[in-house]
Amino acid sequence: MEVKNILEIAQFSSREMKKINLFESLRMFCDIYCLEAGQKQKIHSHKGNDKIYYVVEGMGRFTIGSETRLLQPGEITCAFSQVPHGVENPGKNRLICLVLMAPNPNLTA
């Protein structure tokens, strides 16, 4: 069994949000997104793929469709196929999100 500690693996970049892959298969991927204060993932969508965001540390402003909400550790949200979504870190502290997506768009295209 492969076990990883998210807080030990997390890495940040002053230039842009950092994505770190934890697990991947043809059916899904599981990453962590690490955002410094002020960083964001642009609003985008995926055809045929659902994405889950779970806040591990910090607070993030998530946009799913026409709704935007501030989420804190322990909260989770989902962007279903073709629904525009993105995340930004509006705070002063770092943000770590666990992100799962299925099917894996990187391996099924």
N, C-alpha and C. Protein backbone atom coordinates (compact mmCIF):
# COMPACT_ATOMS: atom_id res chain seq x y z
N MET A 1 0.86 -1.18 0.00
CA MET A 1 0.00 0.00 0.00
C MET A 1 0.90 1.24 0.00
N GLU A 2 0.60 2.13 -0.91
CA GLU A 2 1.34 3.39 -0.97
C GLU A 2 0.61 4.45 -0.15
N VAL A 3 1.33 5.07 0.77
CA VAL A 3 0.76 6.09 1.64
C VAL A 3 1.59 7.36 1.50
N LYS A 4 0.90 8.49 1.40
CA LYS A 4 1.59 9.78 1.25
C LYS A 4 1.05 10.77 2.27
N ASN A 5 1.91 11.65 2.74
CA ASN A 5 1.52 12.71 3.67
C ASN A 5 1.44 14.02 2.88
N ILE A 6 0.23 14.51 2.70
CA ILE A 6 -0.02 15.70 1.89
C ILE A 6 0.78 16.90 2.38
N LEU A 7 0.81 17.12 3.68
CA LEU A 7 1.50 18.30 4.20
C LEU A 7 3.01 18.21 4.02
N GLU A 8 3.57 17.00 3.96
CA GLU A 8 5.01 16.84 3.71
C GLU A 8 5.34 16.98 2.23
N ILE A 9 4.41 16.63 1.36
CA ILE A 9 4.64 16.66 -0.09
C ILE A 9 4.41 18.06 -0.68
N ALA A 10 3.58 18.84 -0.03
CA ALA A 10 3.20 20.16 -0.56
C ALA A 10 4.43 21.00 -0.90
N GLN A 11 4.37 21.63 -2.08
CA GLN A 11 5.41 22.55 -2.54
C GLN A 11 4.73 23.78 -3.11
N PHE A 12 5.37 24.90 -2.97
CA PHE A 12 4.80 26.16 -3.43
C PHE A 12 5.78 26.87 -4.35
N SER A 13 5.24 27.67 -5.26
CA SER A 13 6.04 28.46 -6.18
C SER A 13 5.55 29.90 -6.09
N SER A 14 6.47 30.84 -6.10
CA SER A 14 6.07 32.24 -6.06
C SER A 14 5.50 32.70 -7.40
N ARG A 15 5.74 31.94 -8.47
CA ARG A 15 5.30 32.32 -9.81
C ARG A 15 3.86 31.91 -10.12
N GLU A 16 3.47 30.69 -9.69
CA GLU A 16 2.14 30.19 -10.05
C GLU A 16 1.73 29.04 -9.15
N MET A 17 0.43 28.73 -9.19
CA MET A 17 -0.10 27.60 -8.46
C MET A 17 0.70 26.35 -8.83
N LYS A 18 0.99 25.53 -7.84
CA LYS A 18 1.75 24.30 -8.08
C LYS A 18 0.83 23.10 -7.97
N LYS A 19 0.87 22.21 -8.98
CA LYS A 19 0.11 20.97 -8.97
C LYS A 19 1.08 19.82 -8.73
N ILE A 20 0.74 18.97 -7.77
CA ILE A 20 1.58 17.82 -7.46
C ILE A 20 0.73 16.57 -7.52
N ASN A 21 1.10 15.65 -8.40
CA ASN A 21 0.34 14.42 -8.54
C ASN A 21 0.64 13.45 -7.40
N LEU A 22 -0.43 12.88 -6.84
CA LEU A 22 -0.30 11.88 -5.79
C LEU A 22 -0.53 10.48 -6.35
N PHE A 23 -1.59 10.31 -7.12
CA PHE A 23 -1.94 9.03 -7.72
C PHE A 23 -2.59 9.27 -9.07
N GLU A 24 -2.43 8.29 -9.98
CA GLU A 24 -2.99 8.46 -11.31
C GLU A 24 -3.25 7.10 -11.94
N SER A 25 -4.37 7.00 -12.64
CA SER A 25 -4.69 5.81 -13.44
C SER A 25 -5.46 6.29 -14.66
N LEU A 26 -5.84 5.36 -15.52
CA LEU A 26 -6.67 5.73 -16.67
C LEU A 26 -8.02 6.26 -16.23
N ARG A 27 -8.47 5.86 -15.04
CA ARG A 27 -9.80 6.21 -14.57
C ARG A 27 -9.86 7.52 -13.77
N MET A 28 -8.74 7.96 -13.19
CA MET A 28 -8.77 9.17 -12.35
C MET A 28 -7.37 9.70 -12.11
N PHE A 29 -7.31 10.93 -11.59
CA PHE A 29 -6.07 11.42 -11.00
C PHE A 29 -6.40 12.06 -9.66
N CYS A 30 -5.39 12.08 -8.81
CA CYS A 30 -5.50 12.70 -7.49
C CYS A 30 -4.25 13.57 -7.31
N ASP A 31 -4.46 14.87 -7.21
CA ASP A 31 -3.37 15.85 -7.07
C ASP A 31 -3.58 16.67 -5.81
N ILE A 32 -2.55 17.42 -5.45
CA ILE A 32 -2.75 18.54 -4.54
C ILE A 32 -2.41 19.80 -5.32
N TYR A 33 -3.21 20.83 -5.10
CA TYR A 33 -2.95 22.14 -5.66
C TYR A 33 -2.47 23.01 -4.50
N CYS A 34 -1.33 23.65 -4.69
CA CYS A 34 -0.72 24.48 -3.65
C CYS A 34 -0.67 25.92 -4.15
N LEU A 35 -1.39 26.80 -3.47
CA LEU A 35 -1.49 28.19 -3.90
C LEU A 35 -0.97 29.13 -2.82
N GLU A 36 -0.06 29.99 -3.20
CA GLU A 36 0.37 31.08 -2.33
C GLU A 36 -0.73 32.14 -2.32
N ALA A 37 -0.65 33.06 -1.39
CA ALA A 37 -1.61 34.17 -1.32
C ALA A 37 -1.68 34.87 -2.67
N GLY A 38 -2.90 35.10 -3.16
CA GLY A 38 -3.11 35.82 -4.41
C GLY A 38 -3.08 34.97 -5.66
N GLN A 39 -2.65 33.73 -5.57
CA GLN A 39 -2.60 32.89 -6.77
C GLN A 39 -3.97 32.30 -7.07
N LYS A 40 -4.17 31.92 -8.35
CA LYS A 40 -5.45 31.34 -8.72
C LYS A 40 -5.30 30.40 -9.91
N GLN A 41 -6.31 29.56 -10.03
CA GLN A 41 -6.48 28.70 -11.19
C GLN A 41 -7.57 29.37 -12.02
N LYS A 42 -7.31 29.63 -13.28
CA LYS A 42 -8.30 30.32 -14.10
C LYS A 42 -9.56 29.46 -14.25
N ILE A 43 -10.68 30.14 -14.47
CA ILE A 43 -11.96 29.47 -14.67
C ILE A 43 -11.88 28.70 -16.00
N HIS A 44 -12.25 27.43 -15.95
CA HIS A 44 -12.21 26.56 -17.12
C HIS A 44 -13.24 25.44 -16.92
N SER A 45 -13.39 24.58 -17.90
CA SER A 45 -14.30 23.44 -17.75
C SER A 45 -13.71 22.24 -18.49
N HIS A 46 -14.28 21.08 -18.22
CA HIS A 46 -13.85 19.84 -18.85
C HIS A 46 -15.09 19.12 -19.39
N LYS A 47 -14.99 18.62 -20.58
CA LYS A 47 -16.09 17.85 -21.16
C LYS A 47 -15.88 16.38 -20.83
N GLY A 48 -16.82 15.81 -20.09
CA GLY A 48 -16.76 14.39 -19.77
C GLY A 48 -15.95 14.05 -18.53
N ASN A 49 -15.55 15.07 -17.74
CA ASN A 49 -14.76 14.82 -16.54
C ASN A 49 -15.35 15.59 -15.37
N ASP A 50 -15.42 14.96 -14.21
CA ASP A 50 -15.88 15.61 -12.98
C ASP A 50 -14.66 15.86 -12.09
N LYS A 51 -14.66 17.00 -11.39
CA LYS A 51 -13.54 17.37 -10.52
C LYS A 51 -14.04 17.68 -9.12
N ILE A 52 -13.35 17.11 -8.14
CA ILE A 52 -13.65 17.36 -6.73
C ILE A 52 -12.50 18.14 -6.11
N TYR A 53 -12.83 19.19 -5.35
CA TYR A 53 -11.86 19.97 -4.58
C TYR A 53 -12.16 19.78 -3.09
N TYR A 54 -11.13 19.46 -2.31
CA TYR A 54 -11.25 19.32 -0.86
C TYR A 54 -10.18 20.20 -0.22
N VAL A 55 -10.57 21.11 0.66
CA VAL A 55 -9.61 22.02 1.28
C VAL A 55 -8.92 21.31 2.44
N VAL A 56 -7.60 21.19 2.33
CA VAL A 56 -6.78 20.56 3.37
C VAL A 56 -6.29 21.61 4.36
N GLU A 57 -5.82 22.74 3.83
CA GLU A 57 -5.22 23.78 4.68
C GLU A 57 -5.45 25.14 4.02
N GLY A 58 -5.73 26.15 4.82
CA GLY A 58 -5.97 27.49 4.32
C GLY A 58 -7.44 27.68 3.95
N MET A 59 -7.69 28.77 3.25
CA MET A 59 -9.05 29.06 2.77
C MET A 59 -8.97 29.43 1.30
N GLY A 60 -9.97 28.99 0.53
CA GLY A 60 -9.97 29.26 -0.89
C GLY A 60 -11.32 29.74 -1.37
N ARG A 61 -11.27 30.56 -2.40
CA ARG A 61 -12.50 31.03 -3.04
C ARG A 61 -12.71 30.18 -4.29
N PHE A 62 -13.77 29.38 -4.26
CA PHE A 62 -14.06 28.45 -5.34
C PHE A 62 -15.23 28.95 -6.16
N THR A 63 -15.09 28.86 -7.46
CA THR A 63 -16.17 29.18 -8.37
C THR A 63 -16.57 27.88 -9.06
N ILE A 64 -17.86 27.55 -8.95
CA ILE A 64 -18.44 26.40 -9.63
C ILE A 64 -19.69 26.93 -10.33
N GLY A 65 -19.67 26.95 -11.64
CA GLY A 65 -20.78 27.52 -12.39
C GLY A 65 -20.90 29.01 -12.07
N SER A 66 -22.11 29.44 -11.73
CA SER A 66 -22.34 30.86 -11.44
C SER A 66 -22.17 31.21 -9.97
N GLU A 67 -21.80 30.23 -9.15
CA GLU A 67 -21.68 30.47 -7.70
C GLU A 67 -20.22 30.50 -7.26
N THR A 68 -19.90 31.43 -6.38
CA THR A 68 -18.56 31.54 -5.79
C THR A 68 -18.70 31.54 -4.28
N ARG A 69 -17.89 30.69 -3.62
CA ARG A 69 -17.94 30.59 -2.15
C ARG A 69 -16.54 30.41 -1.58
N LEU A 70 -16.37 30.91 -0.36
CA LEU A 70 -15.14 30.73 0.39
C LEU A 70 -15.26 29.43 1.18
N LEU A 71 -14.30 28.51 0.95
CA LEU A 71 -14.30 27.23 1.66
C LEU A 71 -13.09 27.14 2.57
N GLN A 72 -13.26 26.42 3.68
CA GLN A 72 -12.21 26.27 4.68
C GLN A 72 -11.85 24.80 4.84
N PRO A 73 -10.82 24.48 5.62
CA PRO A 73 -10.41 23.09 5.78
C PRO A 73 -11.58 22.19 6.20
N GLY A 74 -11.63 21.03 5.54
CA GLY A 74 -12.68 20.07 5.81
C GLY A 74 -13.87 20.20 4.88
N GLU A 75 -13.91 21.27 4.07
CA GLU A 75 -15.03 21.44 3.14
C GLU A 75 -14.64 20.96 1.75
N ILE A 76 -15.66 20.47 1.02
CA ILE A 76 -15.45 19.85 -0.27
C ILE A 76 -16.51 20.34 -1.24
N THR A 77 -16.14 20.42 -2.53
CA THR A 77 -17.10 20.80 -3.56
C THR A 77 -16.78 20.03 -4.84
N CYS A 78 -17.73 20.03 -5.77
CA CYS A 78 -17.56 19.27 -7.00
C CYS A 78 -17.99 20.10 -8.21
N ALA A 79 -17.18 20.04 -9.25
CA ALA A 79 -17.53 20.63 -10.54
C ALA A 79 -17.78 19.48 -11.50
N PHE A 80 -19.03 19.34 -11.91
CA PHE A 80 -19.38 18.26 -12.82
C PHE A 80 -19.01 18.64 -14.25
N SER A 81 -19.02 17.68 -15.13
CA SER A 81 -18.64 17.86 -16.52
C SER A 81 -19.28 19.10 -17.14
N GLN A 82 -18.47 19.87 -17.83
CA GLN A 82 -18.84 21.07 -18.58
C GLN A 82 -19.24 22.27 -17.72
N VAL A 83 -19.14 22.17 -16.41
CA VAL A 83 -19.45 23.30 -15.53
C VAL A 83 -18.16 24.09 -15.30
N PRO A 84 -18.14 25.38 -15.62
CA PRO A 84 -16.95 26.20 -15.39
C PRO A 84 -16.58 26.22 -13.91
N HIS A 85 -15.26 26.14 -13.64
CA HIS A 85 -14.80 26.10 -12.26
C HIS A 85 -13.37 26.62 -12.15
N GLY A 86 -13.00 26.99 -10.92
CA GLY A 86 -11.65 27.44 -10.63
C GLY A 86 -11.53 27.77 -9.16
N VAL A 87 -10.31 28.04 -8.72
CA VAL A 87 -10.04 28.34 -7.33
C VAL A 87 -9.02 29.47 -7.24
N GLU A 88 -9.14 30.27 -6.19
CA GLU A 88 -8.13 31.30 -5.92
C GLU A 88 -7.91 31.40 -4.42
N ASN A 89 -6.72 31.86 -4.07
CA ASN A 89 -6.37 32.05 -2.67
C ASN A 89 -6.41 33.55 -2.37
N PRO A 90 -7.52 34.02 -1.76
CA PRO A 90 -7.65 35.44 -1.49
C PRO A 90 -7.01 35.86 -0.16
N GLY A 91 -6.55 34.88 0.60
CA GLY A 91 -6.05 35.17 1.94
C GLY A 91 -4.57 35.48 2.00
N LYS A 92 -4.05 35.53 3.21
CA LYS A 92 -2.64 35.81 3.45
C LYS A 92 -1.84 34.52 3.65
N ASN A 93 -2.54 33.42 3.94
CA ASN A 93 -1.88 32.14 4.20
C ASN A 93 -1.93 31.26 2.96
N ARG A 94 -1.12 30.23 2.96
CA ARG A 94 -1.11 29.28 1.86
C ARG A 94 -2.38 28.44 1.83
N LEU A 95 -2.71 27.94 0.65
CA LEU A 95 -3.89 27.09 0.44
C LEU A 95 -3.43 25.77 -0.17
N ILE A 96 -3.88 24.66 0.43
CA ILE A 96 -3.64 23.32 -0.12
C ILE A 96 -4.98 22.66 -0.34
N CYS A 97 -5.22 22.21 -1.57
CA CYS A 97 -6.45 21.51 -1.93
C CYS A 97 -6.11 20.12 -2.46
N LEU A 98 -6.86 19.14 -2.02
CA LEU A 98 -6.81 17.82 -2.61
C LEU A 98 -7.78 17.84 -3.79
N VAL A 99 -7.33 17.41 -4.96
CA VAL A 99 -8.15 17.49 -6.18
C VAL A 99 -8.19 16.11 -6.82
N LEU A 100 -9.41 15.64 -7.05
CA LEU A 100 -9.62 14.36 -7.72
C LEU A 100 -10.43 14.61 -8.99
N MET A 101 -10.05 13.91 -10.06
CA MET A 101 -10.77 14.09 -11.31
C MET A 101 -10.94 12.73 -11.99
N ALA A 102 -12.14 12.50 -12.50
CA ALA A 102 -12.43 11.24 -13.19
C ALA A 102 -13.39 11.51 -14.34
N PRO A 103 -13.19 10.82 -15.47
CA PRO A 103 -11.97 10.08 -15.78
C PRO A 103 -10.79 11.01 -15.96
N ASN A 104 -9.62 10.44 -16.00
CA ASN A 104 -8.39 11.22 -16.12
C ASN A 104 -8.29 11.81 -17.53
N PRO A 105 -8.38 13.14 -17.67
CA PRO A 105 -8.33 13.74 -19.01
C PRO A 105 -6.94 13.63 -19.64
N ASN A 106 -5.90 13.46 -18.84
CA ASN A 106 -4.55 13.37 -19.35
C ASN A 106 -4.26 12.03 -20.04
N LEU A 107 -5.03 11.00 -19.68
CA LEU A 107 -4.74 9.67 -20.19
C LEU A 107 -5.85 9.10 -21.06
N THR A 108 -6.99 9.77 -21.13
CA THR A 108 -8.10 9.24 -21.92
C THR A 108 -8.31 9.97 -23.24
N ALA A 109 -7.59 11.06 -23.44
CA ALA A 109 -7.79 11.87 -24.66
C ALA A 109 -7.20 11.19 -25.89
